[in-house]
Structures are given as structure tokens and as C-alpha cells.
Amino acid sequence: MEELSRYSVDELRRMRGLVEKEMERRREDYLRQALREVEQIAERYGFALSDLVDDIEVQHSHQQHCQQHNSRQ
């Protein structure tokens, strides 16, 4: 890694901005890649990704309802 002490504060701020932008770009790339891979897995099992997401939301809602019901008893 480069020696950062040789840079001015302004240069370091500029580099920080560049690093943050690059990190966000990579995050977006990774999210798109992950989404493609999850869609392919869903298709392999005969589902659309939306089917799985909808089912997860229903199950989560049901679990919350059961937890609330059990906590009242």
C-alpha cells in the first residue's frame, strides 16, 4: 500500500471520494450478479424469483403473527 503521509489533506479527500464511488459501483455489480445467480437457481427448480420472494414474505408474516399470539399467552 502506498504511503499516505505524502498526500495533502485535499488529495486524501479526493481519493476518499474516488474510493467510496468505486466501492458503491462494486456493491451494485455484486448485487446484480447475486440477483442473476438467485434467479437462475429459482428457474432450475421451476420457480420465478418473485414466487420465492412472495412465499418468504407470507411465511415471515405468518411467523410474526404466531410469535405475537404466543407472547400474549
PDB file of N, CA and C in Angstrom:
ATOM      1  N   MET A   1       0.845  -1.181   0.000  1.00  0.00           N
ATOM      2  CA  MET A   1       0.000   0.000   0.000  1.00  0.00           C
ATOM      3  C   MET A   1       0.888   1.242   0.000  1.00  0.00           C
ATOM      4  N   GLU A   2       0.414   2.246  -0.678  1.00  0.00           N
ATOM      5  CA  GLU A   2       1.193   3.478  -0.761  1.00  0.00           C
ATOM      6  C   GLU A   2       1.275   4.163   0.597  1.00  0.00           C
ATOM      7  N   GLU A   3       2.315   4.943   0.760  1.00  0.00           N
ATOM      8  CA  GLU A   3       2.480   5.736   1.980  1.00  0.00           C
ATOM      9  C   GLU A   3       1.557   6.952   1.874  1.00  0.00           C
ATOM     10  N   LEU A   4       0.543   7.009   2.712  1.00  0.00           N
ATOM     11  CA  LEU A   4      -0.463   8.063   2.611  1.00  0.00           C
ATOM     12  C   LEU A   4       0.021   9.398   3.149  1.00  0.00           C
ATOM     13  N   SER A   5       1.057   9.389   3.953  1.00  0.00           N
ATOM     14  CA  SER A   5       1.538  10.637   4.562  1.00  0.00           C
ATOM     15  C   SER A   5       2.084  11.613   3.524  1.00  0.00           C
ATOM     16  N   ARG A   6       2.374  11.154   2.341  1.00  0.00           N
ATOM     17  CA  ARG A   6       2.921  12.047   1.314  1.00  0.00           C
ATOM     18  C   ARG A   6       1.838  12.863   0.613  1.00  0.00           C
ATOM     19  N   TYR A   7       0.572  12.564   0.876  1.00  0.00           N
ATOM     20  CA  TYR A   7      -0.531  13.277   0.229  1.00  0.00           C
ATOM     21  C   TYR A   7      -1.056  14.395   1.117  1.00  0.00           C
ATOM     22  N   SER A   8      -1.525  15.453   0.471  1.00  0.00           N
ATOM     23  CA  SER A   8      -2.171  16.543   1.214  1.00  0.00           C
ATOM     24  C   SER A   8      -3.562  16.087   1.651  1.00  0.00           C
ATOM     25  N   VAL A   9      -4.136  16.834   2.570  1.00  0.00           N
ATOM     26  CA  VAL A   9      -5.491  16.513   3.035  1.00  0.00           C
ATOM     27  C   VAL A   9      -6.477  16.587   1.873  1.00  0.00           C
ATOM     28  N   ASP A  10      -6.335  17.587   1.016  1.00  0.00           N
ATOM     29  CA  ASP A  10      -7.231  17.704  -0.146  1.00  0.00           C
ATOM     30  C   ASP A  10      -7.110  16.493  -1.066  1.00  0.00           C
ATOM     31  N   GLU A  11      -5.879  16.046  -1.281  1.00  0.00           N
ATOM     32  CA  GLU A  11      -5.676  14.862  -2.123  1.00  0.00           C
ATOM     33  C   GLU A  11      -6.285  13.620  -1.475  1.00  0.00           C
ATOM     34  N   LEU A  12      -6.129  13.509  -0.174  1.00  0.00           N
ATOM     35  CA  LEU A  12      -6.717  12.367   0.537  1.00  0.00           C
ATOM     36  C   LEU A  12      -8.237  12.394   0.453  1.00  0.00           C
ATOM     37  N   ARG A  13      -8.825  13.572   0.570  1.00  0.00           N
ATOM     38  CA  ARG A  13     -10.291  13.686   0.452  1.00  0.00           C
ATOM     39  C   ARG A  13     -10.754  13.275  -0.943  1.00  0.00           C
ATOM     40  N   ARG A  14     -10.007  13.730  -1.954  1.00  0.00           N
ATOM     41  CA  ARG A  14     -10.349  13.368  -3.335  1.00  0.00           C
ATOM     42  C   ARG A  14     -10.265  11.857  -3.516  1.00  0.00           C
ATOM     43  N   MET A  15      -9.205  11.268  -2.989  1.00  0.00           N
ATOM     44  CA  MET A  15      -9.050   9.814  -3.095  1.00  0.00           C
ATOM     45  C   MET A  15     -10.157   9.095  -2.336  1.00  0.00           C
ATOM     46  N   ARG A  16     -10.530   9.630  -1.168  1.00  0.00           N
ATOM     47  CA  ARG A  16     -11.608   9.014  -0.400  1.00  0.00           C
ATOM     48  C   ARG A  16     -12.893   9.010  -1.220  1.00  0.00           C
ATOM     49  N   GLY A  17     -13.167  10.127  -1.888  1.00  0.00           N
ATOM     50  CA  GLY A  17     -14.351  10.191  -2.737  1.00  0.00           C
ATOM     51  C   GLY A  17     -14.300   9.162  -3.852  1.00  0.00           C
ATOM     52  N   LEU A  18     -13.131   9.013  -4.462  1.00  0.00           N
ATOM     53  CA  LEU A  18     -12.971   8.018  -5.529  1.00  0.00           C
ATOM     54  C   LEU A  18     -13.148   6.604  -4.993  1.00  0.00           C
ATOM     55  N   VAL A  19     -12.593   6.340  -3.821  1.00  0.00           N
ATOM     56  CA  VAL A  19     -12.711   5.012  -3.210  1.00  0.00           C
ATOM     57  C   VAL A  19     -14.168   4.711  -2.881  1.00  0.00           C
ATOM     58  N   GLU A  20     -14.873   5.688  -2.303  1.00  0.00           N
ATOM     59  CA  GLU A  20     -16.283   5.472  -1.962  1.00  0.00           C
ATOM     60  C   GLU A  20     -17.119   5.199  -3.208  1.00  0.00           C
ATOM     61  N   LYS A  21     -16.866   5.934  -4.283  1.00  0.00           N
ATOM     62  CA  LYS A  21     -17.599   5.705  -5.534  1.00  0.00           C
ATOM     63  C   LYS A  21     -17.311   4.312  -6.086  1.00  0.00           C
ATOM     64  N   GLU A  22     -16.055   3.902  -6.030  1.00  0.00           N
ATOM     65  CA  GLU A  22     -15.690   2.579  -6.533  1.00  0.00           C
ATOM     66  C   GLU A  22     -16.321   1.479  -5.689  1.00  0.00           C
ATOM     67  N   MET A  23     -16.337   1.677  -4.380  1.00  0.00           N
ATOM     68  CA  MET A  23     -16.954   0.679  -3.504  1.00  0.00           C
ATOM     69  C   MET A  23     -18.448   0.558  -3.799  1.00  0.00           C
ATOM     70  N   GLU A  24     -19.125   1.664  -4.027  1.00  0.00           N
ATOM     71  CA  GLU A  24     -20.549   1.634  -4.350  1.00  0.00           C
ATOM     72  C   GLU A  24     -20.777   0.959  -5.700  1.00  0.00           C
ATOM     73  N   ARG A  25     -19.918   1.262  -6.686  1.00  0.00           N
ATOM     74  CA  ARG A  25     -20.049   0.627  -8.002  1.00  0.00           C
ATOM     75  C   ARG A  25     -19.901  -0.881  -7.887  1.00  0.00           C
ATOM     76  N   ARG A  26     -18.915  -1.320  -7.116  1.00  0.00           N
ATOM     77  CA  ARG A  26     -18.708  -2.756  -6.948  1.00  0.00           C
ATOM     78  C   ARG A  26     -19.874  -3.398  -6.212  1.00  0.00           C
ATOM     79  N   ARG A  27     -20.400  -2.708  -5.199  1.00  0.00           N
ATOM     80  CA  ARG A  27     -21.555  -3.233  -4.467  1.00  0.00           C
ATOM     81  C   ARG A  27     -22.731  -3.451  -5.418  1.00  0.00           C
ATOM     82  N   GLU A  28     -22.985  -2.471  -6.276  1.00  0.00           N
ATOM     83  CA  GLU A  28     -24.074  -2.598  -7.242  1.00  0.00           C
ATOM     84  C   GLU A  28     -23.819  -3.748  -8.210  1.00  0.00           C
ATOM     85  N   ASP A  29     -22.580  -3.893  -8.655  1.00  0.00           N
ATOM     86  CA  ASP A  29     -22.226  -5.015  -9.537  1.00  0.00           C
ATOM     87  C   ASP A  29     -22.471  -6.349  -8.839  1.00  0.00           C
ATOM     88  N   TYR A  30     -22.033  -6.452  -7.582  1.00  0.00           N
ATOM     89  CA  TYR A  30     -22.214  -7.699  -6.828  1.00  0.00           C
ATOM     90  C   TYR A  30     -23.693  -8.002  -6.613  1.00  0.00           C
ATOM     91  N   LEU A  31     -24.495  -6.960  -6.347  1.00  0.00           N
ATOM     92  CA  LEU A  31     -25.935  -7.170  -6.177  1.00  0.00           C
ATOM     93  C   LEU A  31     -26.568  -7.691  -7.463  1.00  0.00           C
ATOM     94  N   ARG A  32     -26.192  -7.091  -8.602  1.00  0.00           N
ATOM     95  CA  ARG A  32     -26.736  -7.561  -9.884  1.00  0.00           C
ATOM     96  C   ARG A  32     -26.319  -9.004 -10.152  1.00  0.00           C
ATOM     97  N   GLN A  33     -25.063  -9.319  -9.873  1.00  0.00           N
ATOM     98  CA  GLN A  33     -24.574 -10.679 -10.087  1.00  0.00           C
ATOM     99  C   GLN A  33     -25.303 -11.661  -9.172  1.00  0.00           C
ATOM    100  N   ALA A  34     -25.474 -11.296  -7.917  1.00  0.00           N
ATOM    101  CA  ALA A  34     -26.171 -12.174  -6.977  1.00  0.00           C
ATOM    102  C   ALA A  34     -27.614 -12.392  -7.417  1.00  0.00           C
ATOM    103  N   LEU A  35     -28.263 -11.336  -7.873  1.00  0.00           N
ATOM    104  CA  LEU A  35     -29.641 -11.455  -8.339  1.00  0.00           C
ATOM    105  C   LEU A  35     -29.733 -12.399  -9.526  1.00  0.00           C
ATOM    106  N   ARG A  36     -28.817 -12.269 -10.475  1.00  0.00           N
ATOM    107  CA  ARG A  36     -28.816 -13.181 -11.633  1.00  0.00           C
ATOM    108  C   ARG A  36     -28.647 -14.629 -11.178  1.00  0.00           C
ATOM    109  N   GLU A  37     -27.735 -14.852 -10.247  1.00  0.00           N
ATOM    110  CA  GLU A  37     -27.491 -16.217  -9.784  1.00  0.00           C
ATOM    111  C   GLU A  37     -28.702 -16.783  -9.043  1.00  0.00           C
ATOM    112  N   VAL A  38     -29.340 -15.971  -8.216  1.00  0.00           N
ATOM    113  CA  VAL A  38     -30.521 -16.437  -7.486  1.00  0.00           C
ATOM    114  C   VAL A  38     -31.661 -16.714  -8.459  1.00  0.00           C
ATOM    115  N   GLU A  39     -31.822 -15.863  -9.475  1.00  0.00           N
ATOM    116  CA  GLU A  39     -32.853 -16.106 -10.486  1.00  0.00           C
ATOM    117  C   GLU A  39     -32.604 -17.425 -11.207  1.00  0.00           C
ATOM    118  N   GLN A  40     -31.344 -17.712 -11.528  1.00  0.00           N
ATOM    119  CA  GLN A  40     -31.013 -18.970 -12.202  1.00  0.00           C
ATOM    120  C   GLN A  40     -31.324 -20.171 -11.312  1.00  0.00           C
ATOM    121  N   ILE A  41     -31.038 -20.067 -10.040  1.00  0.00           N
ATOM    122  CA  ILE A  41     -31.342 -21.166  -9.112  1.00  0.00           C
ATOM    123  C   ILE A  41     -32.848 -21.370  -9.027  1.00  0.00           C
ATOM    124  N   ALA A  42     -33.602 -20.284  -8.910  1.00  0.00           N
ATOM    125  CA  ALA A  42     -35.059 -20.393  -8.846  1.00  0.00           C
ATOM    126  C   ALA A  42     -35.597 -21.058 -10.108  1.00  0.00           C
ATOM    127  N   GLU A  43     -35.105 -20.643 -11.261  1.00  0.00           N
ATOM    128  CA  GLU A  43     -35.553 -21.229 -12.526  1.00  0.00           C
ATOM    129  C   GLU A  43     -35.225 -22.714 -12.599  1.00  0.00           C
ATOM    130  N   ARG A  44     -34.082 -23.100 -12.057  1.00  0.00           N
ATOM    131  CA  ARG A  44     -33.690 -24.509 -12.076  1.00  0.00           C
ATOM    132  C   ARG A  44     -34.711 -25.367 -11.324  1.00  0.00           C
ATOM    133  N   TYR A  45     -35.359 -24.788 -10.328  1.00  0.00           N
ATOM    134  CA  TYR A  45     -36.369 -25.512  -9.561  1.00  0.00           C
ATOM    135  C   TYR A  45     -37.786 -25.228 -10.053  1.00  0.00           C
ATOM    136  N   GLY A  46     -37.882 -24.493 -11.152  1.00  0.00           N
ATOM    137  CA  GLY A  46     -39.185 -24.250 -11.756  1.00  0.00           C
ATOM    138  C   GLY A  46     -39.943 -23.073 -11.164  1.00  0.00           C
ATOM    139  N   PHE A  47     -39.241 -22.167 -10.527  1.00  0.00           N
ATOM    140  CA  PHE A  47     -39.883 -21.002  -9.921  1.00  0.00           C
ATOM    141  C   PHE A  47     -39.351 -19.724 -10.536  1.00  0.00           C
ATOM    142  N   ALA A  48     -40.171 -18.703 -10.463  1.00  0.00           N
ATOM    143  CA  ALA A  48     -39.688 -17.347 -10.730  1.00  0.00           C
ATOM    144  C   ALA A  48     -39.215 -16.790  -9.390  1.00  0.00           C
ATOM    145  N   LEU A  49     -38.268 -15.901  -9.415  1.00  0.00           N
ATOM    146  CA  LEU A  49     -37.767 -15.319  -8.175  1.00  0.00           C
ATOM    147  C   LEU A  49     -38.893 -14.652  -7.401  1.00  0.00           C
ATOM    148  N   SER A  50     -39.808 -14.023  -8.104  1.00  0.00           N
ATOM    149  CA  SER A  50     -40.932 -13.358  -7.432  1.00  0.00           C
ATOM    150  C   SER A  50     -41.784 -14.358  -6.654  1.00  0.00           C
ATOM    151  N   ASP A  51     -41.912 -15.592  -7.156  1.00  0.00           N
ATOM    152  CA  ASP A  51     -42.651 -16.625  -6.419  1.00  0.00           C
ATOM    153  C   ASP A  51     -41.992 -16.890  -5.073  1.00  0.00           C
ATOM    154  N   LEU A  52     -40.683 -16.999  -5.075  1.00  0.00           N
ATOM    155  CA  LEU A  52     -39.960 -17.286  -3.838  1.00  0.00           C
ATOM    156  C   LEU A  52     -40.049 -16.127  -2.860  1.00  0.00           C
ATOM    157  N   VAL A  53     -39.886 -14.916  -3.374  1.00  0.00           N
ATOM    158  CA  VAL A  53     -39.934 -13.739  -2.511  1.00  0.00           C
ATOM    159  C   VAL A  53     -41.320 -13.596  -1.900  1.00  0.00           C
ATOM    160  N   ASP A  54     -42.357 -13.774  -2.707  1.00  0.00           N
ATOM    161  CA  ASP A  54     -43.723 -13.689  -2.190  1.00  0.00           C
ATOM    162  C   ASP A  54     -43.951 -14.726  -1.105  1.00  0.00           C
ATOM    163  N   ASP A  55     -43.480 -15.954  -1.324  1.00  0.00           N
ATOM    164  CA  ASP A  55     -43.657 -17.020  -0.345  1.00  0.00           C
ATOM    165  C   ASP A  55     -42.903 -16.709   0.942  1.00  0.00           C
ATOM    166  N   ILE A  56     -41.708 -16.164   0.823  1.00  0.00           N
ATOM    167  CA  ILE A  56     -40.929 -15.801   2.009  1.00  0.00           C
ATOM    168  C   ILE A  56     -41.661 -14.730   2.804  1.00  0.00           C
ATOM    169  N   GLU A  57     -42.225 -13.743   2.120  1.00  0.00           N
ATOM    170  CA  GLU A  57     -42.957 -12.680   2.807  1.00  0.00           C
ATOM    171  C   GLU A  57     -44.168 -13.242   3.541  1.00  0.00           C
ATOM    172  N   VAL A  58     -44.876 -14.175   2.916  1.00  0.00           N
ATOM    173  CA  VAL A  58     -46.042 -14.790   3.552  1.00  0.00           C
ATOM    174  C   VAL A  58     -45.602 -15.572   4.782  1.00  0.00           C
ATOM    175  N   GLN A  59     -44.542 -16.363   4.650  1.00  0.00           N
ATOM    176  CA  GLN A  59     -44.053 -17.148   5.784  1.00  0.00           C
ATOM    177  C   GLN A  59     -43.590 -16.240   6.915  1.00  0.00           C
ATOM    178  N   HIS A  60     -42.907 -15.169   6.588  1.00  0.00           N
ATOM    179  CA  HIS A  60     -42.418 -14.241   7.603  1.00  0.00           C
ATOM    180  C   HIS A  60     -43.591 -13.595   8.331  1.00  0.00           C
ATOM    181  N   SER A  61     -44.588 -13.187   7.583  1.00  0.00           N
ATOM    182  CA  SER A  61     -45.773 -12.581   8.178  1.00  0.00           C
ATOM    183  C   SER A  61     -46.473 -13.571   9.104  1.00  0.00           C
ATOM    184  N   HIS A  62     -46.564 -14.824   8.676  1.00  0.00           N
ATOM    185  CA  HIS A  62     -47.194 -15.863   9.491  1.00  0.00           C
ATOM    186  C   HIS A  62     -46.396 -16.089  10.778  1.00  0.00           C
ATOM    187  N   GLN A  63     -45.077 -16.130  10.676  1.00  0.00           N
ATOM    188  CA  GLN A  63     -44.235 -16.328  11.856  1.00  0.00           C
ATOM    189  C   GLN A  63     -44.398 -15.179  12.840  1.00  0.00           C
ATOM    190  N   GLN A  64     -44.459 -13.963  12.346  1.00  0.00           N
ATOM    191  CA  GLN A  64     -44.649 -12.815  13.228  1.00  0.00           C
ATOM    192  C   GLN A  64     -45.989 -12.903  13.939  1.00  0.00           C
ATOM    193  N   HIS A  65     -47.015 -13.295  13.204  1.00  0.00           N
ATOM    194  CA  HIS A  65     -48.342 -13.433  13.795  1.00  0.00           C
ATOM    195  C   HIS A  65     -48.323 -14.483  14.905  1.00  0.00           C
ATOM    196  N   CYS A  66     -47.681 -15.624  14.648  1.00  0.00           N
ATOM    197  CA  CYS A  66     -47.605 -16.697  15.648  1.00  0.00           C
ATOM    198  C   CYS A  66     -46.820 -16.245  16.873  1.00  0.00           C
ATOM    199  N   GLN A  67     -45.733 -15.510  16.665  1.00  0.00           N
ATOM    200  CA  GLN A  67     -44.932 -15.034  17.789  1.00  0.00           C
ATOM    201  C   GLN A  67     -45.727 -14.055  18.640  1.00  0.00           C
ATOM    202  N   GLN A  68     -46.472 -13.182  18.002  1.00  0.00           N
ATOM    203  CA  GLN A  68     -47.292 -12.231  18.746  1.00  0.00           C
ATOM    204  C   GLN A  68     -48.374 -12.964  19.524  1.00  0.00           C
ATOM    205  N   HIS A  69     -48.981 -13.949  18.900  1.00  0.00           N
ATOM    206  CA  HIS A  69     -50.028 -14.726  19.559  1.00  0.00           C
ATOM    207  C   HIS A  69     -49.460 -15.479  20.761  1.00  0.00           C
ATOM    208  N   ASN A  70     -48.303 -16.106  20.588  1.00  0.00           N
ATOM    209  CA  ASN A  70     -47.687 -16.866  21.675  1.00  0.00           C
ATOM    210  C   ASN A  70     -47.216 -15.967  22.809  1.00  0.00           C
ATOM    211  N   SER A  71     -46.801 -14.749  22.508  1.00  0.00           N
ATOM    212  CA  SER A  71     -46.323 -13.854  23.564  1.00  0.00           C
ATOM    213  C   SER A  71     -47.471 -13.324  24.411  1.00  0.00           C
ATOM    214  N   ARG A  72     -48.670 -13.379  23.904  1.00  0.00           N
ATOM    215  CA  ARG A  72     -49.836 -12.916  24.660  1.00  0.00           C
ATOM    216  C   ARG A  72     -50.333 -13.962  25.646  1.00  0.00           C
ATOM    217  N   GLN A  73     -49.920 -15.203  25.431  1.00  0.00           N
ATOM    218  CA  GLN A  73     -50.419 -16.279  26.295  1.00  0.00           C
ATOM    219  C   GLN A  73     -49.598 -16.419  27.541  1.00  0.00           C
TER     220      GLN A  73
END
